[in-house]
Amino acid sequence: MKHELEKLNGTTDDHLVIVREFSAPREKVFEVLTNPDHVKKWSCPTSMKITFSEGDVKVGGTYRFGMQSASGKGPEMVLTGSYKEINRPERVVYTQFMEMPDGKKSPETEIEILLEENKGTTQMVFHHSRFPSAGDRDNARIGWTDAFGKLTDLVHSMK
């Protein structure tokens, strides 16, 4: 399935698939991916900082977190959405959109994260879909790739 999903990266404008492996149990990876206290440590590119992170991780629950440039200059971007499916520690599906400083909202996208454990190693298949354009998808790829570097460091630093 991983390889079929990865083909979407080159064949569609509205899908992004990123695969990562962690030397950690699936339950730990799931916790770091969903707990707001952990989310604020990894869920933005290194050029940004998280200003707040809150969420209610349950089906129908919502989350919000703010990002701002690491220098603290410029507007705060707020990402929010709701949880559609949770099958701990294997799968989580949620929506995401950005609340703009002028009160408008970006188009809503959907994120599905699948975690598979094999002998203490966890593979994450991250599938972000419903981008309005290839440019939006490509910008997201840059941000997520950078954030997942921080996620990897955080998961591996936790005992």
N, C-alpha and C. Protein backbone atom coordinates (compact mmCIF):
# COMPACT_ATOMS: atom_id res chain seq x y z
N MET A 1 0.81 -1.19 0.00
CA MET A 1 0.00 0.00 0.00
C MET A 1 0.86 1.26 0.00
N LYS A 2 1.97 1.25 0.73
CA LYS A 2 2.84 2.41 0.80
C LYS A 2 3.25 2.87 -0.58
N HIS A 3 3.68 1.94 -1.42
CA HIS A 3 4.16 2.31 -2.75
C HIS A 3 3.04 2.84 -3.63
N GLU A 4 1.84 2.29 -3.49
CA GLU A 4 0.70 2.80 -4.25
C GLU A 4 0.40 4.24 -3.86
N LEU A 5 0.43 4.52 -2.55
CA LEU A 5 0.19 5.89 -2.10
C LEU A 5 1.28 6.83 -2.57
N GLU A 6 2.54 6.39 -2.51
CA GLU A 6 3.64 7.26 -2.93
C GLU A 6 3.52 7.65 -4.39
N LYS A 7 2.92 6.81 -5.22
CA LYS A 7 2.73 7.15 -6.64
C LYS A 7 1.88 8.40 -6.80
N LEU A 8 1.00 8.69 -5.82
CA LEU A 8 0.17 9.88 -5.89
C LEU A 8 0.99 11.15 -5.96
N ASN A 9 2.18 11.15 -5.35
CA ASN A 9 3.04 12.34 -5.35
C ASN A 9 3.36 12.80 -6.76
N GLY A 10 3.53 11.88 -7.69
CA GLY A 10 3.91 12.25 -9.04
C GLY A 10 2.77 12.29 -10.02
N THR A 11 1.57 11.86 -9.60
CA THR A 11 0.49 11.74 -10.56
C THR A 11 -0.70 12.65 -10.28
N THR A 12 -0.75 13.30 -9.13
CA THR A 12 -1.87 14.18 -8.81
C THR A 12 -1.36 15.48 -8.22
N ASP A 13 -2.17 16.53 -8.33
CA ASP A 13 -1.82 17.82 -7.75
C ASP A 13 -2.34 17.98 -6.33
N ASP A 14 -3.26 17.12 -5.92
CA ASP A 14 -3.92 17.36 -4.64
C ASP A 14 -3.58 16.37 -3.54
N HIS A 15 -2.58 15.52 -3.76
CA HIS A 15 -2.16 14.54 -2.75
C HIS A 15 -0.67 14.67 -2.44
N LEU A 16 -0.34 14.44 -1.19
CA LEU A 16 1.05 14.40 -0.74
C LEU A 16 1.20 13.18 0.15
N VAL A 17 2.21 12.38 -0.11
CA VAL A 17 2.49 11.21 0.72
C VAL A 17 3.94 11.27 1.17
N ILE A 18 4.16 11.14 2.47
CA ILE A 18 5.50 11.11 3.03
C ILE A 18 5.60 9.87 3.91
N VAL A 19 6.67 9.11 3.76
CA VAL A 19 6.87 7.91 4.55
C VAL A 19 8.11 8.11 5.41
N ARG A 20 7.98 7.82 6.69
CA ARG A 20 9.09 7.93 7.64
C ARG A 20 9.15 6.68 8.49
N GLU A 21 10.35 6.35 8.98
CA GLU A 21 10.51 5.24 9.91
C GLU A 21 11.14 5.77 11.19
N PHE A 22 10.67 5.21 12.30
CA PHE A 22 11.14 5.60 13.62
C PHE A 22 11.60 4.36 14.37
N SER A 23 12.70 4.48 15.08
CA SER A 23 13.19 3.39 15.93
C SER A 23 12.51 3.51 17.28
N ALA A 24 11.20 3.29 17.26
CA ALA A 24 10.39 3.43 18.46
C ALA A 24 9.09 2.65 18.28
N PRO A 25 8.47 2.25 19.39
CA PRO A 25 7.19 1.56 19.30
C PRO A 25 6.09 2.47 18.74
N ARG A 26 5.13 1.86 18.09
CA ARG A 26 4.03 2.59 17.45
C ARG A 26 3.26 3.45 18.47
N GLU A 27 3.02 2.95 19.65
CA GLU A 27 2.27 3.70 20.66
C GLU A 27 2.97 5.02 20.99
N LYS A 28 4.29 4.99 21.10
CA LYS A 28 5.05 6.22 21.39
C LYS A 28 4.93 7.21 20.23
N VAL A 29 5.05 6.73 19.01
CA VAL A 29 4.95 7.60 17.83
C VAL A 29 3.55 8.22 17.78
N PHE A 30 2.51 7.42 18.01
CA PHE A 30 1.15 7.94 18.01
C PHE A 30 0.99 9.04 19.04
N GLU A 31 1.51 8.82 20.24
CA GLU A 31 1.42 9.80 21.32
C GLU A 31 2.09 11.12 20.92
N VAL A 32 3.26 11.05 20.35
CA VAL A 32 3.98 12.27 19.95
C VAL A 32 3.26 12.99 18.81
N LEU A 33 2.62 12.23 17.93
CA LEU A 33 1.88 12.82 16.82
C LEU A 33 0.60 13.53 17.25
N THR A 34 -0.02 13.10 18.35
CA THR A 34 -1.35 13.60 18.69
C THR A 34 -1.45 14.39 19.98
N ASN A 35 -0.57 14.22 20.93
CA ASN A 35 -0.66 14.92 22.20
C ASN A 35 -0.26 16.39 22.01
N PRO A 36 -1.16 17.35 22.33
CA PRO A 36 -0.84 18.77 22.11
C PRO A 36 0.47 19.23 22.76
N ASP A 37 0.83 18.63 23.90
CA ASP A 37 2.09 19.00 24.55
C ASP A 37 3.30 18.61 23.69
N HIS A 38 3.18 17.53 22.95
CA HIS A 38 4.26 17.11 22.05
C HIS A 38 4.16 17.84 20.70
N VAL A 39 2.93 18.05 20.23
CA VAL A 39 2.72 18.70 18.93
C VAL A 39 3.43 20.04 18.89
N LYS A 40 3.39 20.77 19.98
CA LYS A 40 4.01 22.10 19.98
C LYS A 40 5.54 22.05 19.87
N LYS A 41 6.12 20.88 20.04
CA LYS A 41 7.58 20.74 19.95
C LYS A 41 8.06 20.40 18.54
N TRP A 42 7.16 19.93 17.67
CA TRP A 42 7.64 19.46 16.37
C TRP A 42 6.83 19.92 15.16
N SER A 43 5.62 20.40 15.32
CA SER A 43 4.70 20.50 14.18
C SER A 43 4.80 21.76 13.34
N CYS A 44 5.99 22.29 13.19
CA CYS A 44 6.19 23.41 12.27
C CYS A 44 7.61 23.35 11.72
N PRO A 45 7.84 24.02 10.61
CA PRO A 45 9.21 24.05 10.06
C PRO A 45 10.16 24.75 11.05
N THR A 46 11.45 24.52 10.89
CA THR A 46 12.44 25.10 11.80
C THR A 46 12.48 26.63 11.73
N SER A 47 11.98 27.22 10.65
CA SER A 47 11.96 28.68 10.53
C SER A 47 10.80 29.29 11.31
N MET A 48 9.96 28.44 11.90
CA MET A 48 8.78 28.89 12.63
C MET A 48 8.86 28.41 14.07
N LYS A 49 7.95 28.94 14.90
CA LYS A 49 7.80 28.45 16.27
C LYS A 49 6.30 28.29 16.55
N ILE A 50 5.99 27.36 17.41
CA ILE A 50 4.60 27.14 17.81
C ILE A 50 4.29 28.13 18.94
N THR A 51 3.20 28.87 18.79
CA THR A 51 2.82 29.85 19.81
C THR A 51 1.83 29.26 20.82
N PHE A 52 1.04 28.29 20.40
CA PHE A 52 0.15 27.57 21.31
C PHE A 52 -0.29 26.29 20.62
N SER A 53 -0.72 25.32 21.42
CA SER A 53 -1.22 24.05 20.89
C SER A 53 -2.27 23.52 21.85
N GLU A 54 -3.46 23.23 21.31
CA GLU A 54 -4.54 22.70 22.13
C GLU A 54 -5.34 21.71 21.30
N GLY A 55 -5.93 20.75 21.96
CA GLY A 55 -6.72 19.80 21.21
C GLY A 55 -7.41 18.78 22.09
N ASP A 56 -8.46 18.22 21.53
CA ASP A 56 -9.24 17.18 22.17
C ASP A 56 -9.23 15.98 21.22
N VAL A 57 -8.30 15.05 21.46
CA VAL A 57 -8.04 13.95 20.53
C VAL A 57 -9.09 12.86 20.72
N LYS A 58 -10.22 13.06 20.04
CA LYS A 58 -11.30 12.08 20.00
C LYS A 58 -12.10 12.36 18.73
N VAL A 59 -12.81 11.36 18.25
CA VAL A 59 -13.63 11.56 17.06
C VAL A 59 -14.62 12.70 17.33
N GLY A 60 -14.61 13.69 16.45
CA GLY A 60 -15.43 14.88 16.64
C GLY A 60 -14.73 15.97 17.41
N GLY A 61 -13.62 15.65 18.07
CA GLY A 61 -12.84 16.65 18.80
C GLY A 61 -12.11 17.57 17.83
N THR A 62 -11.71 18.71 18.32
CA THR A 62 -11.00 19.68 17.48
C THR A 62 -9.62 19.96 18.05
N TYR A 63 -8.81 20.59 17.21
CA TYR A 63 -7.47 21.02 17.63
C TYR A 63 -7.20 22.38 17.00
N ARG A 64 -6.28 23.10 17.60
CA ARG A 64 -5.79 24.38 17.07
C ARG A 64 -4.35 24.54 17.51
N PHE A 65 -3.54 25.07 16.62
CA PHE A 65 -2.21 25.49 17.05
C PHE A 65 -1.78 26.66 16.19
N GLY A 66 -0.97 27.52 16.80
CA GLY A 66 -0.50 28.72 16.12
C GLY A 66 0.97 28.60 15.78
N MET A 67 1.33 29.21 14.65
CA MET A 67 2.73 29.27 14.22
C MET A 67 3.07 30.72 13.89
N GLN A 68 4.31 31.05 14.17
CA GLN A 68 4.82 32.38 13.83
C GLN A 68 6.29 32.23 13.47
N SER A 69 6.83 33.18 12.75
CA SER A 69 8.25 33.09 12.40
C SER A 69 9.06 32.97 13.69
N ALA A 70 10.19 32.28 13.61
CA ALA A 70 11.03 32.06 14.79
C ALA A 70 11.48 33.38 15.41
N SER A 71 11.57 34.43 14.61
CA SER A 71 11.97 35.74 15.13
C SER A 71 10.84 36.43 15.88
N GLY A 72 9.62 35.91 15.75
CA GLY A 72 8.48 36.53 16.41
C GLY A 72 7.88 37.66 15.60
N LYS A 73 8.41 37.91 14.43
CA LYS A 73 7.89 38.98 13.57
C LYS A 73 6.91 38.38 12.56
N GLY A 74 5.98 39.17 12.15
CA GLY A 74 5.01 38.70 11.17
C GLY A 74 3.77 38.14 11.84
N PRO A 75 2.76 37.87 11.02
CA PRO A 75 1.49 37.41 11.58
C PRO A 75 1.56 35.97 12.09
N GLU A 76 0.71 35.67 13.03
CA GLU A 76 0.55 34.31 13.52
C GLU A 76 -0.40 33.57 12.58
N MET A 77 -0.03 32.35 12.21
CA MET A 77 -0.90 31.51 11.41
C MET A 77 -1.51 30.47 12.34
N VAL A 78 -2.80 30.28 12.27
CA VAL A 78 -3.49 29.32 13.13
C VAL A 78 -4.03 28.19 12.26
N LEU A 79 -3.62 26.97 12.57
CA LEU A 79 -4.12 25.78 11.89
C LEU A 79 -5.11 25.10 12.81
N THR A 80 -6.20 24.65 12.24
CA THR A 80 -7.25 24.03 13.03
C THR A 80 -7.96 22.95 12.22
N GLY A 81 -8.71 22.13 12.89
CA GLY A 81 -9.47 21.09 12.22
C GLY A 81 -10.13 20.19 13.23
N SER A 82 -10.67 19.09 12.73
CA SER A 82 -11.36 18.15 13.62
C SER A 82 -10.96 16.72 13.28
N TYR A 83 -11.05 15.88 14.30
CA TYR A 83 -10.69 14.47 14.16
C TYR A 83 -11.88 13.69 13.60
N LYS A 84 -11.64 12.97 12.51
CA LYS A 84 -12.69 12.19 11.87
C LYS A 84 -12.65 10.72 12.28
N GLU A 85 -11.44 10.18 12.42
CA GLU A 85 -11.27 8.78 12.79
C GLU A 85 -10.03 8.65 13.68
N ILE A 86 -10.16 7.83 14.70
CA ILE A 86 -9.00 7.53 15.55
C ILE A 86 -9.05 6.04 15.88
N ASN A 87 -8.00 5.36 15.53
CA ASN A 87 -7.84 3.95 15.87
C ASN A 87 -6.45 3.82 16.49
N ARG A 88 -6.36 4.18 17.76
CA ARG A 88 -5.09 4.21 18.47
C ARG A 88 -4.52 2.80 18.59
N PRO A 89 -3.28 2.60 18.30
CA PRO A 89 -2.23 3.50 17.83
C PRO A 89 -1.93 3.34 16.33
N GLU A 90 -2.92 2.90 15.56
CA GLU A 90 -2.69 2.56 14.16
C GLU A 90 -2.99 3.67 13.16
N ARG A 91 -4.03 4.47 13.44
CA ARG A 91 -4.51 5.37 12.40
C ARG A 91 -5.21 6.56 13.02
N VAL A 92 -5.00 7.70 12.41
CA VAL A 92 -5.74 8.91 12.76
C VAL A 92 -6.03 9.67 11.46
N VAL A 93 -7.25 10.19 11.37
CA VAL A 93 -7.66 10.98 10.21
C VAL A 93 -8.26 12.28 10.74
N TYR A 94 -7.80 13.40 10.18
CA TYR A 94 -8.33 14.68 10.62
C TYR A 94 -8.32 15.69 9.49
N THR A 95 -9.12 16.72 9.64
CA THR A 95 -9.16 17.81 8.66
C THR A 95 -8.22 18.91 9.13
N GLN A 96 -7.89 19.80 8.19
CA GLN A 96 -7.03 20.93 8.55
C GLN A 96 -7.31 22.10 7.62
N PHE A 97 -7.39 23.28 8.22
CA PHE A 97 -7.44 24.51 7.44
C PHE A 97 -6.75 25.60 8.23
N MET A 98 -6.40 26.68 7.55
CA MET A 98 -5.73 27.79 8.19
C MET A 98 -6.72 28.93 8.40
N GLU A 99 -6.71 29.47 9.61
CA GLU A 99 -7.48 30.68 9.90
C GLU A 99 -6.58 31.86 9.56
N MET A 100 -6.98 32.64 8.58
CA MET A 100 -6.17 33.76 8.13
C MET A 100 -6.32 34.95 9.09
N PRO A 101 -5.28 35.82 9.15
CA PRO A 101 -5.37 36.99 10.04
C PRO A 101 -6.57 37.88 9.75
N ASP A 102 -7.07 37.87 8.49
CA ASP A 102 -8.22 38.70 8.13
C ASP A 102 -9.56 38.01 8.42
N GLY A 103 -9.52 36.83 9.06
CA GLY A 103 -10.74 36.13 9.41
C GLY A 103 -11.19 35.10 8.39
N LYS A 104 -10.60 35.10 7.21
CA LYS A 104 -10.95 34.12 6.19
C LYS A 104 -10.30 32.77 6.51
N LYS A 105 -10.78 31.73 5.86
CA LYS A 105 -10.24 30.39 6.06
C LYS A 105 -9.71 29.85 4.75
N SER A 106 -8.62 29.11 4.83
CA SER A 106 -8.08 28.44 3.64
C SER A 106 -8.99 27.24 3.33
N PRO A 107 -8.87 26.68 2.12
CA PRO A 107 -9.62 25.45 1.84
C PRO A 107 -9.23 24.34 2.81
N GLU A 108 -10.20 23.52 3.15
CA GLU A 108 -9.97 22.42 4.09
C GLU A 108 -9.29 21.25 3.39
N THR A 109 -8.26 20.71 4.04
CA THR A 109 -7.58 19.52 3.53
C THR A 109 -7.81 18.39 4.52
N GLU A 110 -7.34 17.19 4.15
CA GLU A 110 -7.51 16.03 5.03
C GLU A 110 -6.18 15.33 5.19
N ILE A 111 -5.91 14.88 6.41
CA ILE A 111 -4.67 14.18 6.73
C ILE A 111 -5.02 12.81 7.30
N GLU A 112 -4.36 11.78 6.76
CA GLU A 112 -4.49 10.44 7.28
C GLU A 112 -3.08 9.95 7.62
N ILE A 113 -2.91 9.46 8.85
CA ILE A 113 -1.63 8.93 9.28
C ILE A 113 -1.82 7.46 9.66
N LEU A 114 -1.04 6.61 9.01
CA LEU A 114 -1.05 5.18 9.29
C LEU A 114 0.27 4.81 9.94
N LEU A 115 0.22 4.03 11.01
CA LEU A 115 1.43 3.59 11.71
C LEU A 115 1.45 2.07 11.74
N GLU A 116 2.58 1.50 11.31
CA GLU A 116 2.74 0.05 11.32
C GLU A 116 4.04 -0.28 12.02
N GLU A 117 3.95 -1.15 13.02
CA GLU A 117 5.13 -1.52 13.81
C GLU A 117 5.64 -2.89 13.40
N ASN A 118 6.96 -3.00 13.32
CA ASN A 118 7.60 -4.27 13.00
C ASN A 118 8.91 -4.35 13.78
N LYS A 119 8.96 -5.21 14.79
CA LYS A 119 10.17 -5.44 15.59
C LYS A 119 10.72 -4.16 16.20
N GLY A 120 9.85 -3.35 16.78
CA GLY A 120 10.29 -2.14 17.47
C GLY A 120 10.50 -0.93 16.59
N THR A 121 10.34 -1.09 15.30
CA THR A 121 10.44 0.03 14.37
C THR A 121 9.04 0.36 13.86
N THR A 122 8.73 1.64 13.79
CA THR A 122 7.41 2.06 13.33
C THR A 122 7.55 2.82 12.02
N GLN A 123 6.76 2.39 11.05
CA GLN A 123 6.69 3.10 9.77
C GLN A 123 5.44 3.98 9.77
N MET A 124 5.63 5.25 9.43
CA MET A 124 4.53 6.19 9.32
C MET A 124 4.29 6.48 7.85
N VAL A 125 3.05 6.29 7.42
CA VAL A 125 2.64 6.74 6.09
C VAL A 125 1.71 7.92 6.32
N PHE A 126 2.16 9.09 5.91
CA PHE A 126 1.45 10.35 6.08
C PHE A 126 0.84 10.72 4.74
N HIS A 127 -0.48 10.84 4.70
CA HIS A 127 -1.19 11.13 3.45
C HIS A 127 -2.02 12.40 3.65
N HIS A 128 -1.62 13.47 2.99
CA HIS A 128 -2.30 14.77 3.08
C HIS A 128 -2.96 15.01 1.73
N SER A 129 -4.27 15.22 1.72
CA SER A 129 -5.00 15.32 0.45
C SER A 129 -5.93 16.52 0.42
N ARG A 130 -6.50 16.72 -0.77
CA ARG A 130 -7.47 17.79 -1.08
C ARG A 130 -6.82 19.17 -1.15
N PHE A 131 -5.58 19.22 -1.63
CA PHE A 131 -4.94 20.52 -1.86
C PHE A 131 -5.61 21.20 -3.04
N PRO A 132 -5.78 22.52 -2.97
CA PRO A 132 -6.39 23.22 -4.10
C PRO A 132 -5.48 23.32 -5.33
N SER A 133 -4.15 23.16 -5.14
CA SER A 133 -3.24 23.27 -6.28
C SER A 133 -1.94 22.51 -6.01
N ALA A 134 -1.20 22.26 -7.07
CA ALA A 134 0.11 21.61 -6.93
C ALA A 134 1.06 22.50 -6.13
N GLY A 135 0.95 23.80 -6.28
CA GLY A 135 1.80 24.73 -5.53
C GLY A 135 1.56 24.63 -4.03
N ASP A 136 0.29 24.53 -3.65
CA ASP A 136 -0.04 24.37 -2.23
C ASP A 136 0.52 23.04 -1.71
N ARG A 137 0.38 21.98 -2.51
CA ARG A 137 0.92 20.67 -2.12
C ARG A 137 2.43 20.74 -1.95
N ASP A 138 3.12 21.39 -2.89
CA ASP A 138 4.57 21.46 -2.82
C ASP A 138 5.04 22.28 -1.63
N ASN A 139 4.34 23.35 -1.30
CA ASN A 139 4.68 24.14 -0.11
C ASN A 139 4.48 23.30 1.15
N ALA A 140 3.41 22.53 1.17
CA ALA A 140 3.17 21.65 2.32
C ALA A 140 4.26 20.60 2.45
N ARG A 141 4.72 20.07 1.33
CA ARG A 141 5.78 19.05 1.36
C ARG A 141 7.03 19.62 2.04
N ILE A 142 7.39 20.85 1.72
CA ILE A 142 8.57 21.48 2.32
C ILE A 142 8.38 21.62 3.83
N GLY A 143 7.22 22.13 4.24
CA GLY A 143 6.96 22.33 5.66
C GLY A 143 6.89 21.03 6.44
N TRP A 144 6.16 20.04 5.90
CA TRP A 144 6.04 18.76 6.60
C TRP A 144 7.38 18.03 6.68
N THR A 145 8.15 18.07 5.61
CA THR A 145 9.45 17.39 5.62
C THR A 145 10.33 17.95 6.72
N ASP A 146 10.35 19.27 6.84
CA ASP A 146 11.13 19.93 7.89
C ASP A 146 10.58 19.57 9.28
N ALA A 147 9.26 19.64 9.43
CA ALA A 147 8.65 19.31 10.73
C ALA A 147 8.89 17.85 11.11
N PHE A 148 8.86 16.95 10.13
CA PHE A 148 9.08 15.53 10.44
C PHE A 148 10.52 15.25 10.85
N GLY A 149 11.45 16.10 10.44
CA GLY A 149 12.81 15.99 10.97
C GLY A 149 12.81 16.26 12.47
N LYS A 150 12.06 17.28 12.90
CA LYS A 150 11.93 17.58 14.32
C LYS A 150 11.18 16.48 15.05
N LEU A 151 10.16 15.92 14.40
CA LEU A 151 9.41 14.81 14.99
C LEU A 151 10.32 13.62 15.23
N THR A 152 11.15 13.29 14.25
CA THR A 152 12.08 12.17 14.39
C THR A 152 13.01 12.38 15.57
N ASP A 153 13.57 13.58 15.67
CA ASP A 153 14.47 13.89 16.79
C ASP A 153 13.74 13.76 18.13
N LEU A 154 12.50 14.25 18.20
CA LEU A 154 11.76 14.18 19.45
C LEU A 154 11.43 12.75 19.84
N VAL A 155 10.94 11.95 18.89
CA VAL A 155 10.61 10.55 19.20
C VAL A 155 11.85 9.82 19.68
N HIS A 156 12.98 10.03 19.02
CA HIS A 156 14.20 9.29 19.37
C HIS A 156 14.83 9.81 20.67
N SER A 157 14.49 11.03 21.09
CA SER A 157 15.06 11.56 22.34
C SER A 157 14.26 11.12 23.56
N MET A 158 13.04 10.66 23.36
CA MET A 158 12.18 10.27 24.48
C MET A 158 12.51 8.85 24.92
N LYS A 159 12.61 8.66 26.19
CA LYS A 159 12.91 7.32 26.75
C LYS A 159 11.62 6.63 27.10
